[in-house]
C-alpha cells in the first residue's frame, strides 16, 4: 500500500490499482511503452518536432541503407525523454515498418549490475518472468533463438544469452571454459549477442534497441553494444539511448567511435507549455494561473504536469509534493558541503551573493572552498553566474529554477 505522492512518482514503472482511500502497488509494469495521461486526458507531444524529425531520419537511414546508427538523447530529469521515446515508437509503428523493438530501462536499485540493461531487454523479448522455473526460461530462450539463428549455432547462442538473462543452462564444454575465465565469458557473451542481432537483421527487419536511463546502466552493456555497432556496421541496427547529463562522466567517450548522433533535449518552449495546459484544463483557465504554471515549470514537462494537477485539485497555490520529492532526491545526491551551500543561498531568494553566503555560513564559510562549490553548482546547471551584480564588488548568482530554490529552502 502506498500513498498518492509515491503513486505518482512510480506510475511509469509499476502497475498500480487505485482505490478511493489508498493506492496498491502490485508489481512491475509489463507494458513496454506507456504514455501517461494527465487528469485522464491523453496529452499531445508538443514542442518536440525537431527532435522527432531527427530520430525519424536516423531510423529511415538505418532501415533504407542498412547502416548501423546510434543516437544519444541527453536531458535532465523530467524534461521529457520518455515522452519523446514514446512518440517516436508510436510513429515507427504507424509506418508499419518491419522493426524488432528491444527495450531495457536502467534501475537506480541495480546500478552497475552486470548486463543489467541488456538483460532486461532480452528478458522482455523472450517473455521471461521472475516466477518461472529455470527449465521454462531455458525453453523460452531456445525457442526464440531457434526462430532465426542457424541450427548449428543456436545452442551456443541460447546458452550465452542465458548468462545475460540470469538463466543458467546445463554446463556444456564452452560454458564450463567460459565460467572459469571472465574474459572468455565476456567475449562469448558479446559474440552470442552479435550473432543473435545479425540473425534478426537478416530477417529483413530493422532492429531498434532502446536503452532508457542509461545513467543507471552498466559498463558491460555499454561494451557489448559498442561491439554490436562495430560488427553490424552494415546492418539495419539502430541504438537509441536516453540518459541524464551525468552519463558522459559515468561512461567517458561513450560510443564516440561509432558516429554517435547527439540530441540535447532542452526545456519545452513557452508556447508548447501553454498549449499543453490549455489542452488539459481548457481554454477558460485564467491567464494569471496559466502564466504562473508555465513560469514555475520553466520548460520541465514533469513539473508542468504536476503543477496542472495541483490547480485541478484546487491546491494551485501549493508546490506539488511530487516535484519537491524529485528535487529533494536530486539535492540529496550532492555532497554535504554542496547541499549546505545551496540551503544557505536559498535564504536570500532566487538571487544571492557569494559574500552573503560566506557571511551566513560563518566559520564554516572560511573553512570550505566556497567559490569551488559554487562553480560545481554552476557546472551542474543548478545555479548560474550573473554577468552583472546589483551589489558592487560582489559576485552574484541565481538559481536556474525557482522550484530548486524552494526545495533547498524547504530543507
Protein backbone atom coordinates (compact mmCIF):
# COMPACT_ATOMS: atom_id res chain seq x y z
CA UNK A 1 0.00 0.00 0.00
CA UNK A 2 1.42 3.38 -1.00
CA UNK A 3 0.31 6.99 -0.73
CA UNK A 4 -0.73 9.32 -3.54
CA UNK A 5 2.65 11.04 -3.87
CA UNK A 6 4.57 7.76 -4.13
CA UNK A 7 1.98 6.52 -6.60
CA UNK A 8 2.59 9.45 -8.92
CA UNK A 9 6.33 9.01 -8.70
CA UNK A 10 6.11 5.28 -9.52
CA UNK A 11 3.30 5.05 -12.05
CA UNK A 12 5.53 4.96 -15.15
CA UNK A 13 7.39 1.88 -13.86
CA UNK A 14 4.81 -0.04 -11.83
CA UNK A 15 1.26 -1.34 -12.09
CA UNK A 16 -0.89 0.46 -9.54
CA UNK A 17 -4.51 -0.17 -8.53
CA UNK A 18 -6.26 3.00 -7.37
CA UNK A 19 -8.84 2.82 -4.60
CA UNK A 20 -10.71 5.75 -3.09
CA UNK A 21 -8.61 5.93 0.06
CA UNK A 22 -5.30 4.33 -0.95
CA UNK A 23 -3.14 3.02 -3.77
CA UNK A 24 -1.97 -0.58 -4.17
CA UNK A 25 1.32 -1.27 -5.97
CA UNK A 26 1.06 -4.78 -7.43
CA UNK A 27 4.31 -5.21 -9.37
CA UNK A 28 6.48 -4.02 -12.22
CA UNK A 29 4.60 -2.76 -15.27
CA UNK A 30 4.79 -5.29 -18.09
CA UNK A 31 3.92 -2.74 -20.77
CA UNK A 32 6.87 -1.93 -22.99
CA UNK A 33 5.70 1.57 -23.76
CA UNK A 34 3.00 3.52 -21.96
CA UNK A 35 2.03 7.15 -22.23
CA UNK A 36 0.99 8.87 -19.04
CA UNK A 37 -2.39 10.62 -19.37
CA UNK A 38 -2.84 13.85 -17.46
CA UNK A 39 -6.08 14.00 -15.44
CA UNK A 40 -7.37 11.21 -17.66
CA UNK A 41 -6.76 13.24 -20.83
CA UNK A 42 -4.31 11.87 -23.44
CA UNK A 43 -1.85 14.72 -23.98
CA UNK A 44 -0.21 15.57 -27.30
CA UNK A 45 3.56 15.57 -27.70
CA UNK A 46 4.27 19.28 -28.12
CA UNK A 47 7.42 21.25 -28.85
CA UNK A 48 9.49 18.26 -30.00
CA UNK A 49 9.05 18.23 -33.78
CA UNK A 50 12.73 18.94 -34.50
CA UNK A 51 13.94 16.14 -32.23
CA UNK A 52 11.36 13.70 -33.57
CA UNK A 53 12.37 14.55 -37.14
CA UNK A 54 16.00 13.77 -36.31
CA UNK A 55 15.04 10.41 -34.80
CA UNK A 56 12.81 9.52 -37.75
CA UNK A 57 15.56 10.46 -40.20
CA UNK A 58 18.09 8.28 -38.35
CA UNK A 59 15.67 5.36 -38.34
CA UNK A 60 14.86 5.80 -42.05
CA UNK A 61 18.55 5.95 -42.99
CA UNK A 62 19.30 2.88 -40.89
CA UNK A 63 16.41 0.96 -42.46
CA UNK A 64 16.84 2.05 -46.08
CA UNK A 65 20.65 1.98 -46.26
CA UNK A 66 21.29 -0.99 -43.93
CA UNK A 67 23.66 1.12 -41.86
CA UNK A 68 24.00 0.95 -38.08
CA UNK A 69 23.13 4.13 -36.20
CA UNK A 70 23.38 5.25 -32.59
CA UNK A 71 21.59 8.25 -31.09
CA UNK A 72 22.05 9.59 -27.55
CA UNK A 73 19.23 11.75 -26.14
CA UNK A 74 20.64 13.74 -23.24
CA UNK A 75 18.48 15.74 -20.82
CA UNK A 76 17.93 16.36 -17.09
CA UNK A 77 15.21 14.51 -15.20
CA UNK A 78 11.65 15.42 -16.09
CA UNK A 79 12.38 17.28 -19.31
CA UNK A 80 10.63 14.69 -21.47
CA UNK A 81 12.99 11.93 -22.62
CA UNK A 82 10.46 9.15 -22.03
CA UNK A 83 7.69 11.06 -23.78
CA UNK A 84 9.98 11.64 -26.78
CA UNK A 85 10.75 7.92 -26.89
CA UNK A 86 7.06 7.05 -26.66
CA UNK A 87 6.12 9.37 -29.51
CA UNK A 88 9.00 8.11 -31.67
CA UNK A 89 7.90 4.50 -31.18
CA UNK A 90 4.32 5.45 -31.98
CA UNK A 91 5.44 6.97 -35.26
CA UNK A 92 7.59 3.95 -36.14
CA UNK A 93 4.58 1.71 -35.50
CA UNK A 94 2.36 3.96 -37.62
CA UNK A 95 4.73 3.48 -40.57
CA UNK A 96 4.09 -0.27 -40.44
CA UNK A 97 7.86 -0.65 -40.54
CA UNK A 98 9.30 -4.14 -40.12
CA UNK A 99 11.08 -3.40 -36.86
CA UNK A 100 12.05 -5.52 -33.88
CA UNK A 101 11.96 -3.30 -30.78
CA UNK A 102 14.07 -4.32 -27.79
CA UNK A 103 13.91 -2.07 -24.75
CA UNK A 104 15.79 -2.06 -21.47
CA UNK A 105 15.41 0.51 -18.71
CA UNK A 106 18.01 1.39 -16.09
CA UNK A 107 17.12 0.91 -12.45
CA UNK A 108 18.62 3.03 -9.61
CA UNK A 109 18.42 0.00 -7.30
CA UNK A 110 20.70 -2.08 -9.53
CA UNK A 111 23.17 0.47 -10.91
CA UNK A 112 26.20 -1.24 -12.44
CA UNK A 113 24.72 -4.77 -12.28
CA UNK A 114 26.37 -6.89 -14.99
CA UNK A 115 24.41 -6.80 -18.25
CA UNK A 116 21.57 -5.06 -16.38
CA UNK A 117 20.08 -3.12 -19.28
CA UNK A 118 20.63 -5.85 -21.87
CA UNK A 119 19.22 -8.47 -19.51
CA UNK A 120 16.00 -6.51 -19.18
CA UNK A 121 15.69 -6.01 -22.95
CA UNK A 122 16.25 -9.71 -23.68
CA UNK A 123 14.03 -10.97 -20.88
CA UNK A 124 11.22 -8.77 -22.19
CA UNK A 125 11.80 -10.07 -25.72
CA UNK A 126 11.85 -13.70 -24.60
CA UNK A 127 8.80 -13.23 -22.34
CA UNK A 128 10.67 -14.42 -19.24
CA UNK A 129 9.02 -13.88 -15.84
CA UNK A 130 10.76 -13.94 -12.45
CA UNK A 131 8.39 -16.58 -11.10
CA UNK A 132 9.12 -19.14 -13.83
CA UNK A 133 11.31 -22.19 -13.26
CA UNK A 134 14.78 -22.36 -14.87
CA UNK A 135 13.54 -25.08 -17.24
CA UNK A 136 10.72 -22.86 -18.56
CA UNK A 137 13.09 -19.93 -19.02
CA UNK A 138 15.59 -22.10 -20.88
CA UNK A 139 12.86 -23.36 -23.20
CA UNK A 140 11.68 -19.83 -24.00
CA UNK A 141 15.22 -18.70 -24.84
CA UNK A 142 15.88 -21.77 -27.01
CA UNK A 143 12.60 -21.37 -28.88
CA UNK A 144 13.12 -17.67 -29.65
CA UNK A 145 16.76 -18.16 -30.71
CA UNK A 146 15.86 -21.14 -32.92
CA UNK A 147 13.46 -18.96 -34.93
CA UNK A 148 16.32 -17.09 -36.60
CA UNK A 149 19.77 -18.44 -35.64
CA UNK A 150 21.22 -21.32 -37.67
CA UNK A 151 20.68 -24.68 -36.04
CA UNK A 152 24.38 -25.44 -35.57
CA UNK A 153 24.83 -22.16 -33.66
CA UNK A 154 21.51 -21.93 -31.83
CA UNK A 155 22.50 -23.88 -28.71
CA UNK A 156 25.67 -21.82 -28.13
CA UNK A 157 23.83 -18.53 -28.67
CA UNK A 158 20.99 -19.58 -26.35
CA UNK A 159 23.39 -20.65 -23.60
CA UNK A 160 25.31 -17.37 -23.53
CA UNK A 161 22.23 -15.20 -23.89
CA UNK A 162 21.02 -17.14 -20.86
CA UNK A 163 24.08 -15.86 -18.99
CA UNK A 164 22.94 -12.29 -19.74
CA UNK A 165 19.37 -13.05 -18.63
CA UNK A 166 20.42 -14.78 -15.40
CA UNK A 167 19.18 -18.14 -16.68
CA UNK A 168 21.91 -20.74 -16.39
CA UNK A 169 21.87 -23.67 -18.84
CA UNK A 170 23.33 -27.12 -18.08
CA UNK A 171 27.09 -26.78 -18.30
CA UNK A 172 28.45 -27.53 -21.77
CA UNK A 173 32.14 -27.62 -22.64
CA UNK A 174 32.04 -24.00 -23.84
CA UNK A 175 30.11 -22.80 -20.79
CA UNK A 176 32.50 -24.58 -18.43
CA UNK A 177 35.52 -22.94 -20.06
CA UNK A 178 33.91 -19.50 -20.06
CA UNK A 179 32.86 -19.70 -16.40
CA UNK A 180 36.48 -20.26 -15.42
CA UNK A 181 37.68 -17.06 -17.10
CA UNK A 182 35.75 -13.74 -17.01
CA UNK A 183 37.46 -12.51 -20.18
CA UNK A 184 36.41 -15.60 -22.11
CA UNK A 185 32.89 -15.26 -20.73
CA UNK A 186 32.64 -11.61 -21.84
CA UNK A 187 33.89 -12.48 -25.33
CA UNK A 188 31.46 -15.38 -25.68
CA UNK A 189 28.52 -13.33 -24.42
CA UNK A 190 29.36 -10.49 -26.81
CA UNK A 191 29.63 -12.90 -29.73
CA UNK A 192 26.33 -14.57 -28.88
CA UNK A 193 24.57 -11.20 -28.71
CA UNK A 194 26.09 -10.09 -32.04
CA UNK A 195 25.11 -13.40 -33.67
CA UNK A 196 21.55 -13.03 -32.37
CA UNK A 197 21.23 -9.46 -33.67
CA UNK A 198 22.73 -10.45 -37.01
CA UNK A 199 20.09 -13.14 -37.37
CA UNK A 200 17.34 -10.65 -36.61
CA UNK A 201 18.67 -8.14 -39.14
CA UNK A 202 18.89 -10.75 -41.90
CA UNK A 203 15.16 -11.40 -41.50
CA UNK A 204 14.67 -8.17 -43.49
CA UNK A 205 13.78 -6.13 -40.44
CA UNK A 206 15.32 -3.21 -38.61
CA UNK A 207 16.42 -3.86 -35.04
CA UNK A 208 15.72 -0.94 -32.70
CA UNK A 209 17.50 -1.31 -29.36
CA UNK A 210 16.33 1.26 -26.79
CA UNK A 211 18.33 1.82 -23.61
CA UNK A 212 16.41 4.14 -21.30
CA UNK A 213 18.01 5.73 -18.22
CA UNK A 214 21.48 4.69 -19.38
CA UNK A 215 22.94 6.71 -16.49
CA UNK A 216 21.75 3.82 -14.30
CA UNK A 217 23.26 1.28 -16.67
CA UNK A 218 26.44 -0.79 -16.57
CA UNK A 219 29.80 -0.92 -18.32
CA UNK A 220 29.27 -4.42 -19.74
CA UNK A 221 26.09 -3.38 -21.55
CA UNK A 222 27.90 -0.33 -22.97
CA UNK A 223 30.80 -2.51 -24.12
CA UNK A 224 28.63 -5.17 -25.77
CA UNK A 225 26.56 -2.55 -27.59
CA UNK A 226 29.79 -0.98 -28.83
CA UNK A 227 30.89 -4.36 -30.20
CA UNK A 228 27.49 -4.83 -31.86
CA UNK A 229 27.67 -1.40 -33.52
CA UNK A 230 31.13 -2.24 -34.85
CA UNK A 231 30.35 -5.74 -36.07
CA UNK A 232 26.96 -4.81 -37.55
CA UNK A 233 28.04 -1.53 -39.15
CA UNK A 234 26.43 -2.58 -42.45
CA UNK A 235 23.20 -3.91 -40.89
CA UNK A 236 19.91 -2.12 -40.07
CA UNK A 237 20.62 -1.75 -36.34
CA UNK A 238 19.63 1.45 -34.51
CA UNK A 239 20.54 2.06 -30.89
CA UNK A 240 18.61 4.78 -29.09
CA UNK A 241 19.97 5.65 -25.65
CA UNK A 242 18.30 8.12 -23.29
CA UNK A 243 20.14 9.46 -20.28
CA UNK A 244 20.77 12.35 -17.92
CA UNK A 245 23.82 14.59 -18.45
CA UNK A 246 25.97 12.66 -15.95
CA UNK A 247 26.14 9.73 -18.38
CA UNK A 248 29.15 11.38 -20.04
CA UNK A 249 31.06 11.26 -16.73
CA UNK A 250 29.99 7.68 -15.99
CA UNK A 251 30.88 6.37 -19.46
CA UNK A 252 33.60 8.62 -20.97
CA UNK A 253 33.85 8.56 -24.80
CA UNK A 254 30.56 6.66 -24.97
CA UNK A 255 30.37 5.06 -28.45
CA UNK A 256 32.40 8.00 -29.76
CA UNK A 257 33.94 5.84 -32.49
CA UNK A 258 30.52 4.82 -33.85
CA UNK A 259 29.40 8.12 -35.44
CA UNK A 260 27.15 8.83 -32.49
CA UNK A 261 24.47 11.45 -33.04
CA UNK A 262 23.58 13.58 -30.02
CA UNK A 263 20.25 15.19 -29.22
CA UNK A 264 20.37 17.52 -26.24
CA UNK A 265 16.80 17.94 -25.10
CA UNK A 266 16.06 21.41 -23.76
CA UNK A 267 13.04 22.61 -21.85
CA UNK A 268 9.68 22.84 -23.55
CA UNK A 269 9.10 26.19 -25.30
CA UNK A 270 6.71 28.57 -23.56
CA UNK A 271 4.07 28.27 -26.30
CA UNK A 272 4.20 24.47 -26.12
CA UNK A 273 3.69 24.61 -22.34
CA UNK A 274 0.70 26.89 -22.77
CA UNK A 275 -0.88 24.58 -25.35
CA UNK A 276 -0.43 21.59 -23.05
CA UNK A 277 -2.03 23.37 -20.07
CA UNK A 278 -4.98 24.54 -22.15
CA UNK A 279 -5.42 21.06 -23.62
CA UNK A 280 -5.95 19.64 -20.12
CA UNK A 281 -7.56 22.49 -18.16
CA UNK A 282 -9.46 24.02 -21.06
CA UNK A 283 -9.27 27.45 -22.69
CA UNK A 284 -11.07 29.04 -19.74
CA UNK A 285 -8.05 28.75 -17.45
CA UNK A 286 -7.28 32.22 -16.05
CA UNK A 287 -4.32 33.96 -17.78
CA UNK A 288 -2.68 34.62 -14.41
CA UNK A 289 -2.90 30.92 -13.47
CA UNK A 290 -1.63 29.87 -16.89
CA UNK A 291 1.31 32.27 -16.66
CA UNK A 292 2.24 31.12 -13.15
CA UNK A 293 2.17 27.43 -14.10
CA UNK A 294 4.33 27.99 -17.17
CA UNK A 295 6.79 30.19 -15.28
CA UNK A 296 7.18 27.75 -12.39
CA UNK A 297 7.61 24.75 -14.68
CA UNK A 298 10.37 26.55 -16.63
CA UNK A 299 10.08 24.08 -19.50
CA UNK A 300 10.24 20.93 -17.37
CA UNK A 301 7.47 18.66 -18.68
CA UNK A 302 7.14 16.64 -15.48
CA UNK A 303 6.92 19.74 -13.30
CA UNK A 304 4.35 21.18 -15.69
CA UNK A 305 2.14 18.10 -15.34
CA UNK A 306 2.32 18.15 -11.55
CA UNK A 307 1.54 21.87 -11.38
CA UNK A 308 -1.50 21.30 -13.59
CA UNK A 309 -2.66 18.57 -11.20
CA UNK A 310 -2.44 20.92 -8.21
CA UNK A 311 -4.57 23.51 -9.99
CA UNK A 312 -7.15 20.87 -10.95
CA UNK A 313 -7.28 19.69 -7.32
CA UNK A 314 -7.84 23.22 -6.04
CA UNK A 315 -4.43 23.49 -4.36
CA UNK A 316 -2.77 25.60 -7.04
CA UNK A 317 -1.03 27.89 -4.53
CA UNK A 318 0.93 24.95 -3.07
CA UNK A 319 4.01 23.40 -4.59
CA UNK A 320 3.34 19.79 -5.66
CA UNK A 321 4.76 17.27 -3.21
CA UNK A 322 5.88 15.12 -6.13
CA UNK A 323 8.03 17.92 -7.55
CA UNK A 324 9.58 18.68 -4.16
CA UNK A 325 10.29 14.96 -3.66
CA UNK A 326 12.07 14.75 -7.02
CA UNK A 327 14.12 17.86 -6.31
CA UNK A 328 14.94 16.77 -2.76
CA UNK A 329 16.21 13.47 -4.18
CA UNK A 330 18.39 15.36 -6.65
CA UNK A 331 19.80 17.60 -3.91
CA UNK A 332 20.45 14.64 -1.61
CA UNK A 333 22.78 13.15 -4.24
CA UNK A 334 25.06 16.17 -3.83
CA UNK A 335 27.97 16.26 -1.41
CA UNK A 336 27.10 17.53 2.12
CA UNK A 337 29.02 20.79 1.65
CA UNK A 338 27.26 21.41 -1.66
CA UNK A 339 23.87 20.96 -0.01
CA UNK A 340 24.87 23.28 2.83
CA UNK A 341 25.86 25.99 0.35
CA UNK A 342 22.54 25.69 -1.52
CA UNK A 343 20.48 25.75 1.67
CA UNK A 344 22.30 28.88 2.77
CA UNK A 345 21.94 30.53 -0.63
CA UNK A 346 18.21 29.80 -0.70
CA UNK A 347 17.67 32.10 2.30
CA UNK A 348 18.41 35.10 0.07
CA UNK A 349 15.80 34.10 -2.54
CA UNK A 350 16.26 33.27 -6.20
CA UNK A 351 19.29 35.61 -6.37
CA UNK A 352 22.18 35.54 -3.93
CA UNK A 353 25.76 36.74 -3.48
CA UNK A 354 28.93 34.85 -2.62
CA UNK A 355 29.84 37.25 0.19
CA UNK A 356 26.42 36.91 1.78
CA UNK A 357 26.59 33.11 1.70
CA UNK A 358 30.09 33.19 3.21
CA UNK A 359 28.97 35.54 5.98
CA UNK A 360 25.91 33.47 6.80
CA UNK A 361 27.97 30.27 6.96
CA UNK A 362 30.29 31.93 9.48
CA UNK A 363 33.29 29.84 10.45
CA UNK A 364 32.21 27.06 8.08
CA UNK A 365 32.35 29.53 5.20
CA UNK A 366 36.01 30.31 5.84
CA UNK A 367 36.95 26.63 6.11
CA UNK A 368 35.27 25.31 2.93
CA UNK A 369 36.29 26.31 -0.59
CA UNK A 370 33.07 28.21 -1.22
CA UNK A 371 33.99 29.51 -4.68
CA UNK A 372 34.80 25.96 -5.83
CA UNK A 373 31.49 24.61 -4.54
CA UNK A 374 29.60 27.41 -6.27
CA UNK A 375 31.42 26.66 -9.53
CA UNK A 376 30.45 22.98 -9.22
CA UNK A 377 26.79 24.03 -8.87
CA UNK A 378 27.13 26.24 -11.97
CA UNK A 379 28.54 23.32 -13.98
CA UNK A 380 25.69 21.10 -12.71
CA UNK A 381 23.26 23.77 -14.01
CA UNK A 382 21.68 24.23 -10.59
CA UNK A 383 22.71 27.89 -10.33
CA UNK A 384 24.07 30.40 -12.85
CA UNK A 385 26.59 33.22 -12.60
CA UNK A 386 25.15 36.67 -13.37
CA UNK A 387 27.20 38.91 -15.64
CA UNK A 388 26.44 41.97 -13.56
CA UNK A 389 25.86 42.24 -9.85
CA UNK A 390 23.41 44.55 -8.14
CA UNK A 391 25.90 44.87 -5.29
CA UNK A 392 29.22 46.40 -6.43
CA UNK A 393 32.21 44.20 -5.70
CA UNK A 394 30.08 41.12 -5.03
CA UNK A 395 29.72 38.03 -7.23
CA UNK A 396 26.03 37.43 -7.93
CA UNK A 397 24.41 34.07 -8.65
CA UNK A 398 20.87 32.97 -9.40
CA UNK A 399 19.03 29.66 -9.03
CA UNK A 400 18.30 28.44 -12.56
CA UNK A 401 14.94 27.08 -11.45
CA UNK A 402 12.74 28.67 -8.81
CA UNK A 403 11.44 25.27 -7.70
CA UNK A 404 15.01 24.13 -6.94
CA UNK A 405 15.39 27.13 -4.67
CA UNK A 406 12.09 26.24 -2.97
CA UNK A 407 13.28 22.64 -2.46
CA UNK A 408 16.59 23.81 -0.98
CA UNK A 409 14.81 26.29 1.29
CA UNK A 410 12.42 23.53 2.41
CA UNK A 411 15.42 21.56 3.67
